[in-house]
């Protein structure tokens, strides 16, 4: 019997794109009751994943409610954006230089995201997660974060009692009761938001050092994965593009460098893992069925990937003007604008209605363009379930 998993990657405000895709899926297949028994999320994707896993209604309603949440989202729901919080954060980072680079009272961070903890506690009913597991609507919810002390990518999962943890090279899966602290840890963008103490170490953004983002879903029993990315790199229009680039007008700005670092953490690992999975699938097709069964851990995995058809950096460059004056000044100062070449960095912090709504519309449109592939993906799953029964 086949099992579908939903994989939601990280990316700060870029995660609003995922919501548009999910709403399109609900419209394309309105009769879907529970399309994803396994839901895995990282960084901001962890928040979307938990919102879906903790919802008590049908998938369509959970997707609509998630969209309503993002449509009403304001920057003040995520972090304090005034002049003084920004100055205080900068002073704390500067002051840490006189204390071995360690925060005195709180973990170091440029921004204070305490409002996010309150917001998530209000909109997510964590008590519904074990209820959904008990009634069979959910096999597992998995949230990944980086342990700063161990340097391991830890996947905290809450699921049925038959599931077991795992350990691979710098990758660990451990059963846990998912709380708001796991979401705060998984979405703690390095140096931007503070780390979070969990268990016996401090944790930060799950996209960091997550070498195999698809792996947790497979460990939890999935053999079919629906992946929503936040990068347009997989757009066919980019394939085979000429390597010639125009001469740059200036050296990279601070934000341009930081943006590439963020892209490396939030995007590259997922795209590399997708490529690896596709190669393994291709190799397994060349092996006869009997030999394939002897590989034990190796099995073909059916995939469907939805990614942005437009560069989110350019959309971010247009939407920076909608941010509060304090943030506009800060982003302009470090070059996080279209002119400074660092709009990629801004795209992760643009929790404005204008930006998030445009990304949701883009996600909806991209999924609708993939309507035939989406219908075929779930049709194949139904055929496998019937065969397995």
Protein backbone atom coordinates (compact mmCIF):
# COMPACT_ATOMS: atom_id res chain seq x y z
CA UNK A 1 0.00 0.00 0.00
CA UNK A 2 1.44 3.38 -1.01
CA UNK A 3 1.79 6.30 1.39
CA UNK A 4 1.91 9.94 0.34
CA UNK A 5 4.09 12.49 2.07
CA UNK A 6 4.01 16.26 1.79
CA UNK A 7 7.41 17.97 2.02
CA UNK A 8 7.46 21.70 2.72
CA UNK A 9 10.85 23.36 2.54
CA UNK A 10 12.02 26.46 4.37
CA UNK A 11 12.43 30.02 3.23
CA UNK A 12 10.88 32.53 5.64
CA UNK A 13 8.20 34.59 3.89
CA UNK A 14 8.74 32.52 0.73
CA UNK A 15 6.69 29.77 2.43
CA UNK A 16 3.55 31.70 1.48
CA UNK A 17 4.08 30.25 -2.03
CA UNK A 18 3.37 26.80 -0.57
CA UNK A 19 -0.04 27.93 0.62
CA UNK A 20 -1.08 28.92 -2.89
CA UNK A 21 -0.08 25.48 -4.19
CA UNK A 22 -2.04 23.74 -1.42
CA UNK A 23 -5.17 25.77 -2.18
CA UNK A 24 -4.90 24.91 -5.87
CA UNK A 25 -4.56 21.24 -4.94
CA UNK A 26 -7.74 21.51 -2.88
CA UNK A 27 -9.55 23.00 -5.89
CA UNK A 28 -8.15 20.49 -8.39
CA UNK A 29 -9.13 17.51 -6.23
CA UNK A 30 -11.96 18.77 -3.98
CA UNK A 31 -12.87 15.27 -2.76
CA UNK A 32 -9.49 14.62 -1.17
CA UNK A 33 -10.09 13.84 2.50
CA UNK A 34 -6.57 13.11 3.67
CA UNK A 35 -4.05 13.28 0.80
CA UNK A 36 -0.93 13.36 3.00
CA UNK A 37 -0.73 10.94 5.96
CA UNK A 38 2.89 12.06 6.43
CA UNK A 39 3.72 15.76 6.59
CA UNK A 40 7.30 17.03 6.87
CA UNK A 41 8.29 20.66 7.28
CA UNK A 42 11.45 22.68 7.72
CA UNK A 43 11.87 26.30 8.81
CA UNK A 44 8.78 28.30 7.78
CA UNK A 45 7.59 25.14 6.02
CA UNK A 46 7.42 23.56 9.48
CA UNK A 47 4.79 26.12 10.46
CA UNK A 48 2.64 25.31 7.40
CA UNK A 49 3.13 21.58 8.01
CA UNK A 50 2.02 21.78 11.64
CA UNK A 51 -0.98 23.95 10.77
CA UNK A 52 -2.16 21.24 8.36
CA UNK A 53 -1.38 18.33 10.70
CA UNK A 54 -3.19 19.96 13.64
CA UNK A 55 -6.35 20.88 11.73
CA UNK A 56 -9.47 18.98 12.74
CA UNK A 57 -11.30 19.35 9.42
CA UNK A 58 -10.97 18.16 5.84
CA UNK A 59 -7.87 18.96 3.79
CA UNK A 60 -9.70 21.59 1.73
CA UNK A 61 -10.76 23.48 4.85
CA UNK A 62 -7.30 23.26 6.39
CA UNK A 63 -5.77 24.73 3.22
CA UNK A 64 -8.33 27.56 3.17
CA UNK A 65 -7.75 28.36 6.84
CA UNK A 66 -4.00 28.40 6.29
CA UNK A 67 -4.45 30.83 3.40
CA UNK A 68 -6.61 33.10 5.58
CA UNK A 69 -3.84 33.13 8.19
CA UNK A 70 -1.20 34.19 5.66
CA UNK A 71 -3.51 36.80 4.11
CA UNK A 72 -3.97 38.46 7.49
CA UNK A 73 -0.31 38.16 8.47
CA UNK A 74 1.57 41.32 9.38
CA UNK A 75 5.26 41.81 10.11
CA UNK A 76 4.32 42.62 13.72
CA UNK A 77 2.97 39.04 14.01
CA UNK A 78 6.46 37.73 13.27
CA UNK A 79 8.97 40.12 14.85
CA UNK A 80 9.30 43.55 16.38
CA UNK A 81 10.08 45.88 13.48
CA UNK A 82 10.40 49.29 15.11
CA UNK A 83 13.53 51.46 15.21
CA UNK A 84 14.43 50.61 18.80
CA UNK A 85 14.19 46.78 18.45
CA UNK A 86 16.50 46.95 15.42
CA UNK A 87 18.97 49.21 17.22
CA UNK A 88 18.82 47.04 20.35
CA UNK A 89 19.49 43.90 18.32
CA UNK A 90 22.47 45.51 16.63
CA UNK A 91 23.85 46.72 19.97
CA UNK A 92 23.50 43.24 21.50
CA UNK A 93 25.43 41.69 18.62
CA UNK A 94 28.09 44.37 18.92
CA UNK A 95 28.22 44.01 22.71
CA UNK A 96 28.76 40.26 22.42
CA UNK A 97 32.22 41.00 21.02
CA UNK A 98 33.22 41.89 24.58
CA UNK A 99 31.77 38.62 25.94
CA UNK A 100 33.41 36.00 23.71
CA UNK A 101 30.63 36.45 21.16
CA UNK A 102 27.97 35.16 23.57
CA UNK A 103 24.66 36.80 24.41
CA UNK A 104 24.47 37.83 28.06
CA UNK A 105 20.79 37.23 28.89
CA UNK A 106 19.28 35.88 25.66
CA UNK A 107 20.57 34.10 22.55
CA UNK A 108 22.01 36.54 20.05
CA UNK A 109 19.81 37.71 17.18
CA UNK A 110 19.25 40.83 15.14
CA UNK A 111 15.45 40.59 15.43
CA UNK A 112 13.16 39.65 18.30
CA UNK A 113 10.57 37.15 17.05
CA UNK A 114 8.68 36.80 20.35
CA UNK A 115 5.43 37.87 18.59
CA UNK A 116 5.71 34.76 16.40
CA UNK A 117 5.60 32.45 19.42
CA UNK A 118 2.41 34.12 20.65
CA UNK A 119 0.90 34.11 17.15
CA UNK A 120 1.59 30.40 16.57
CA UNK A 121 0.28 29.44 20.00
CA UNK A 122 -2.95 31.20 19.12
CA UNK A 123 -3.56 29.81 15.61
CA UNK A 124 -2.32 26.21 16.02
CA UNK A 125 -4.09 23.67 18.24
CA UNK A 126 -1.24 21.31 19.08
CA UNK A 127 -3.57 19.02 21.07
CA UNK A 128 -5.22 18.03 17.78
CA UNK A 129 -2.05 16.33 16.53
CA UNK A 130 -2.31 13.22 18.75
CA UNK A 131 -6.06 13.14 18.09
CA UNK A 132 -5.50 13.06 14.33
CA UNK A 133 -2.92 10.30 14.79
CA UNK A 134 -5.28 8.28 16.97
CA UNK A 135 -8.19 8.48 14.50
CA UNK A 136 -5.97 7.51 11.55
CA UNK A 137 -6.01 10.86 9.74
CA UNK A 138 -2.29 11.37 10.32
CA UNK A 139 0.61 8.92 10.29
CA UNK A 140 3.30 11.37 11.30
CA UNK A 141 4.28 15.02 11.53
CA UNK A 142 8.00 15.72 11.23
CA UNK A 143 9.80 18.98 12.04
CA UNK A 144 13.55 19.38 11.39
CA UNK A 145 15.94 21.69 13.23
CA UNK A 146 19.72 22.05 13.54
CA UNK A 147 21.42 21.31 16.85
CA UNK A 148 24.14 23.92 17.28
CA UNK A 149 26.00 21.90 19.91
CA UNK A 150 25.97 18.53 18.13
CA UNK A 151 25.96 19.91 14.58
CA UNK A 152 23.29 17.34 13.68
CA UNK A 153 20.13 17.78 11.66
CA UNK A 154 17.44 16.48 14.02
CA UNK A 155 14.01 15.47 12.72
CA UNK A 156 11.50 15.55 15.57
CA UNK A 157 8.50 13.42 14.64
CA UNK A 158 5.17 12.72 16.28
CA UNK A 159 3.34 9.72 14.90
CA UNK A 160 1.92 6.28 15.50
CA UNK A 161 3.64 4.02 18.01
CA UNK A 162 5.05 1.70 15.32
CA UNK A 163 7.44 4.37 14.02
CA UNK A 164 11.05 4.21 15.13
CA UNK A 165 13.84 6.76 15.19
CA UNK A 166 16.92 6.61 12.97
CA UNK A 167 20.51 7.75 12.87
CA UNK A 168 22.57 8.50 9.78
CA UNK A 169 25.61 10.67 9.20
CA UNK A 170 24.73 13.97 10.92
CA UNK A 171 21.02 13.11 10.55
CA UNK A 172 18.87 11.94 13.43
CA UNK A 173 15.18 11.13 13.73
CA UNK A 174 13.70 11.15 17.22
CA UNK A 175 10.10 10.77 18.45
CA UNK A 176 8.85 13.87 20.23
CA UNK A 177 5.67 15.71 21.13
CA UNK A 178 5.64 18.67 18.75
CA UNK A 179 5.21 22.03 20.46
CA UNK A 180 5.51 25.68 19.52
CA UNK A 181 9.16 25.54 20.63
CA UNK A 182 9.96 23.08 17.83
CA UNK A 183 8.49 25.51 15.31
CA UNK A 184 10.41 28.44 16.78
CA UNK A 185 13.62 26.41 16.63
CA UNK A 186 13.09 25.14 13.09
CA UNK A 187 12.37 28.66 11.77
CA UNK A 188 15.17 30.47 13.62
CA UNK A 189 17.07 31.93 10.65
CA UNK A 190 20.76 32.16 11.67
CA UNK A 191 21.76 35.48 13.29
CA UNK A 192 18.34 36.93 12.37
CA UNK A 193 16.16 35.10 14.92
CA UNK A 194 17.33 33.67 18.29
CA UNK A 195 18.17 30.00 18.80
CA UNK A 196 15.83 27.92 20.97
CA UNK A 197 16.78 25.46 23.76
CA UNK A 198 15.26 22.01 23.21
CA UNK A 199 16.22 18.89 25.10
CA UNK A 200 19.91 19.38 25.97
CA UNK A 201 21.09 21.81 23.28
CA UNK A 202 20.22 24.94 21.35
CA UNK A 203 18.52 24.58 17.99
CA UNK A 204 18.22 26.81 14.95
CA UNK A 205 16.84 26.82 11.44
CA UNK A 206 16.29 23.30 10.14
CA UNK A 207 17.46 24.12 6.63
CA UNK A 208 21.03 24.46 7.90
CA UNK A 209 23.04 21.26 7.33
CA UNK A 210 19.92 19.40 6.18
CA UNK A 211 21.72 17.33 3.58
CA UNK A 212 18.75 15.08 2.74
CA UNK A 213 15.43 16.96 3.15
CA UNK A 214 13.41 14.11 1.60
CA UNK A 215 14.94 11.44 3.82
CA UNK A 216 12.72 11.94 6.93
CA UNK A 217 9.57 11.23 4.89
CA UNK A 218 11.09 8.00 3.57
CA UNK A 219 12.17 6.92 7.05
CA UNK A 220 8.59 7.46 8.20
CA UNK A 221 7.27 5.10 5.53
CA UNK A 222 6.46 7.26 2.50
CA UNK A 223 6.97 5.91 -1.00
CA UNK A 224 5.38 8.86 -2.81
CA UNK A 225 6.36 12.48 -2.13
CA UNK A 226 4.70 15.75 -3.07
CA UNK A 227 7.33 18.48 -2.78
CA UNK A 228 6.68 22.21 -2.81
CA UNK A 229 9.89 24.16 -3.32
CA UNK A 230 10.56 27.88 -3.04
CA UNK A 231 13.08 28.28 -5.85
CA UNK A 232 12.60 28.77 -9.57
CA UNK A 233 15.85 26.97 -10.41
CA UNK A 234 13.94 23.92 -11.64
CA UNK A 235 12.04 26.02 -14.17
CA UNK A 236 12.82 24.46 -17.61
CA UNK A 237 13.57 27.96 -18.95
CA UNK A 238 16.72 27.95 -16.79
CA UNK A 239 18.03 24.64 -18.10
CA UNK A 240 20.87 24.93 -20.57
CA UNK A 241 21.02 28.69 -20.08
CA UNK A 242 24.25 30.32 -21.32
CA UNK A 243 26.92 30.69 -18.67
CA UNK A 244 27.91 34.15 -19.89
CA UNK A 245 26.99 36.86 -17.40
CA UNK A 246 27.17 40.62 -17.92
CA UNK A 247 30.00 42.42 -16.15
CA UNK A 248 28.81 43.35 -12.63
CA UNK A 249 28.35 47.04 -11.91
CA UNK A 250 29.79 46.71 -8.39
CA UNK A 251 31.22 44.18 -5.98
CA UNK A 252 28.68 42.05 -4.06
CA UNK A 253 26.80 43.94 -1.36
CA UNK A 254 26.55 42.52 2.15
CA UNK A 255 22.95 41.49 1.49
CA UNK A 256 23.90 39.84 -1.81
CA UNK A 257 26.43 37.67 0.01
CA UNK A 258 23.95 36.88 2.80
CA UNK A 259 21.27 36.12 0.19
CA UNK A 260 23.51 33.53 -1.46
CA UNK A 261 24.20 32.00 1.97
CA UNK A 262 20.45 31.78 2.63
CA UNK A 263 19.84 30.27 -0.82
CA UNK A 264 22.53 27.70 -0.13
CA UNK A 265 20.81 26.68 3.10
CA UNK A 266 17.17 26.86 2.06
CA UNK A 267 17.29 25.78 -1.57
CA UNK A 268 20.42 23.89 -2.64
CA UNK A 269 20.05 20.88 -0.32
CA UNK A 270 16.48 20.17 -1.44
CA UNK A 271 17.30 20.49 -5.13
CA UNK A 272 20.37 18.28 -4.71
CA UNK A 273 18.31 15.66 -2.86
CA UNK A 274 15.64 15.73 -5.57
CA UNK A 275 18.31 15.15 -8.22
CA UNK A 276 19.75 12.26 -6.21
CA UNK A 277 16.30 10.70 -5.76
CA UNK A 278 15.56 10.95 -9.48
CA UNK A 279 18.87 9.23 -10.31
CA UNK A 280 18.16 6.38 -7.88
CA UNK A 281 14.69 5.97 -9.39
CA UNK A 282 16.25 5.78 -12.86
CA UNK A 283 18.79 3.17 -11.74
CA UNK A 284 16.12 1.05 -10.05
CA UNK A 285 14.14 0.98 -13.31
CA UNK A 286 17.14 -0.73 -14.91
CA UNK A 287 17.12 -3.48 -12.27
CA UNK A 288 14.65 -6.36 -12.50
CA UNK A 289 12.00 -6.66 -9.79
CA UNK A 290 13.59 -9.60 -7.93
CA UNK A 291 16.97 -7.94 -7.62
CA UNK A 292 15.30 -4.68 -6.65
CA UNK A 293 13.64 -6.42 -3.70
CA UNK A 294 17.05 -7.59 -2.46
CA UNK A 295 18.24 -4.00 -2.07
CA UNK A 296 16.07 -3.75 1.09
CA UNK A 297 16.38 -0.01 1.79
CA UNK A 298 16.24 1.06 -1.86
CA UNK A 299 12.83 1.42 -3.46
CA UNK A 300 11.40 3.58 -6.23
CA UNK A 301 9.76 6.77 -4.95
CA UNK A 302 7.08 8.49 -6.99
CA UNK A 303 7.56 12.27 -6.92
CA UNK A 304 5.80 15.44 -7.94
CA UNK A 305 7.56 18.76 -7.49
CA UNK A 306 5.93 22.19 -7.73
CA UNK A 307 8.31 25.17 -7.80
CA UNK A 308 7.94 28.88 -8.61
CA UNK A 309 7.80 29.75 -12.29
CA UNK A 310 9.01 33.29 -11.58
CA UNK A 311 12.09 34.46 -9.63
CA UNK A 312 10.96 35.38 -6.13
CA UNK A 313 13.93 37.74 -5.73
CA UNK A 314 12.49 40.11 -8.33
CA UNK A 315 9.09 40.09 -6.64
CA UNK A 316 10.84 40.85 -3.34
CA UNK A 317 12.73 43.73 -4.93
CA UNK A 318 9.41 45.33 -5.89
CA UNK A 319 7.80 44.73 -2.49
CA UNK A 320 10.55 46.06 -0.19
CA UNK A 321 8.81 49.45 -0.30
CA UNK A 322 5.90 47.97 1.68
CA UNK A 323 8.07 47.26 4.73
CA UNK A 324 8.22 49.62 7.76
CA UNK A 325 10.60 52.57 7.45
CA UNK A 326 13.04 51.09 9.97
CA UNK A 327 13.41 47.87 7.98
CA UNK A 328 13.57 49.70 4.66
CA UNK A 329 16.46 51.77 6.01
CA UNK A 330 18.27 48.68 7.30
CA UNK A 331 17.74 46.67 4.10
CA UNK A 332 18.81 49.59 1.93
CA UNK A 333 21.92 50.06 4.07
CA UNK A 334 23.11 46.49 3.51
CA UNK A 335 22.08 46.40 -0.16
CA UNK A 336 18.98 44.19 0.19
CA UNK A 337 17.29 45.92 -2.73
CA UNK A 338 17.16 45.38 -6.48
CA UNK A 339 19.80 48.09 -6.92
CA UNK A 340 22.10 46.54 -4.32
CA UNK A 341 21.66 43.07 -5.79
CA UNK A 342 20.59 41.61 -2.43
CA UNK A 343 16.83 41.30 -2.82
CA UNK A 344 17.21 37.53 -2.21
CA UNK A 345 18.01 38.30 1.43
CA UNK A 346 14.96 40.56 1.70
CA UNK A 347 12.72 37.84 0.23
CA UNK A 348 13.07 35.79 3.42
CA UNK A 349 11.92 38.62 5.71
CA UNK A 350 9.15 40.18 3.63
CA UNK A 351 6.20 39.18 5.78
CA UNK A 352 3.98 41.82 4.18
CA UNK A 353 0.51 41.24 2.78
CA UNK A 354 1.52 42.48 -0.66
CA UNK A 355 4.47 40.08 -1.00
CA UNK A 356 2.80 37.06 0.61
CA UNK A 357 -0.40 37.48 -1.40
CA UNK A 358 1.56 37.75 -4.65
CA UNK A 359 3.45 34.56 -3.80
CA UNK A 360 0.23 32.75 -2.91
CA UNK A 361 -1.27 33.80 -6.24
CA UNK A 362 1.86 32.56 -8.02
CA UNK A 363 1.72 29.22 -6.18
CA UNK A 364 -1.94 28.79 -7.09
CA UNK A 365 -1.24 29.61 -10.74
CA UNK A 366 1.79 27.28 -10.95
CA UNK A 367 -0.17 24.38 -9.45
CA UNK A 368 -3.05 24.98 -11.84
CA UNK A 369 -0.60 24.77 -14.74
CA UNK A 370 0.41 21.37 -13.33
CA UNK A 371 -3.21 20.21 -13.00
CA UNK A 372 -2.80 17.21 -15.30
CA UNK A 373 0.35 16.06 -13.49
CA UNK A 374 -1.29 16.50 -10.09
CA UNK A 375 -4.34 14.47 -11.12
CA UNK A 376 -2.08 11.77 -12.58
CA UNK A 377 0.03 11.67 -9.40
CA UNK A 378 -2.94 10.97 -7.14
CA UNK A 379 -4.49 8.64 -9.70
CA UNK A 380 -1.32 6.52 -9.65
CA UNK A 381 -1.52 6.46 -5.86
CA UNK A 382 -5.10 5.24 -5.92
CA UNK A 383 -4.14 2.48 -8.36
CA UNK A 384 -1.31 1.36 -6.06
CA UNK A 385 -3.63 1.35 -3.05
CA UNK A 386 -6.17 -0.74 -4.92
CA UNK A 387 -3.46 -3.15 -6.06
CA UNK A 388 -2.04 -3.39 -2.55
CA UNK A 389 -5.44 -4.11 -1.08
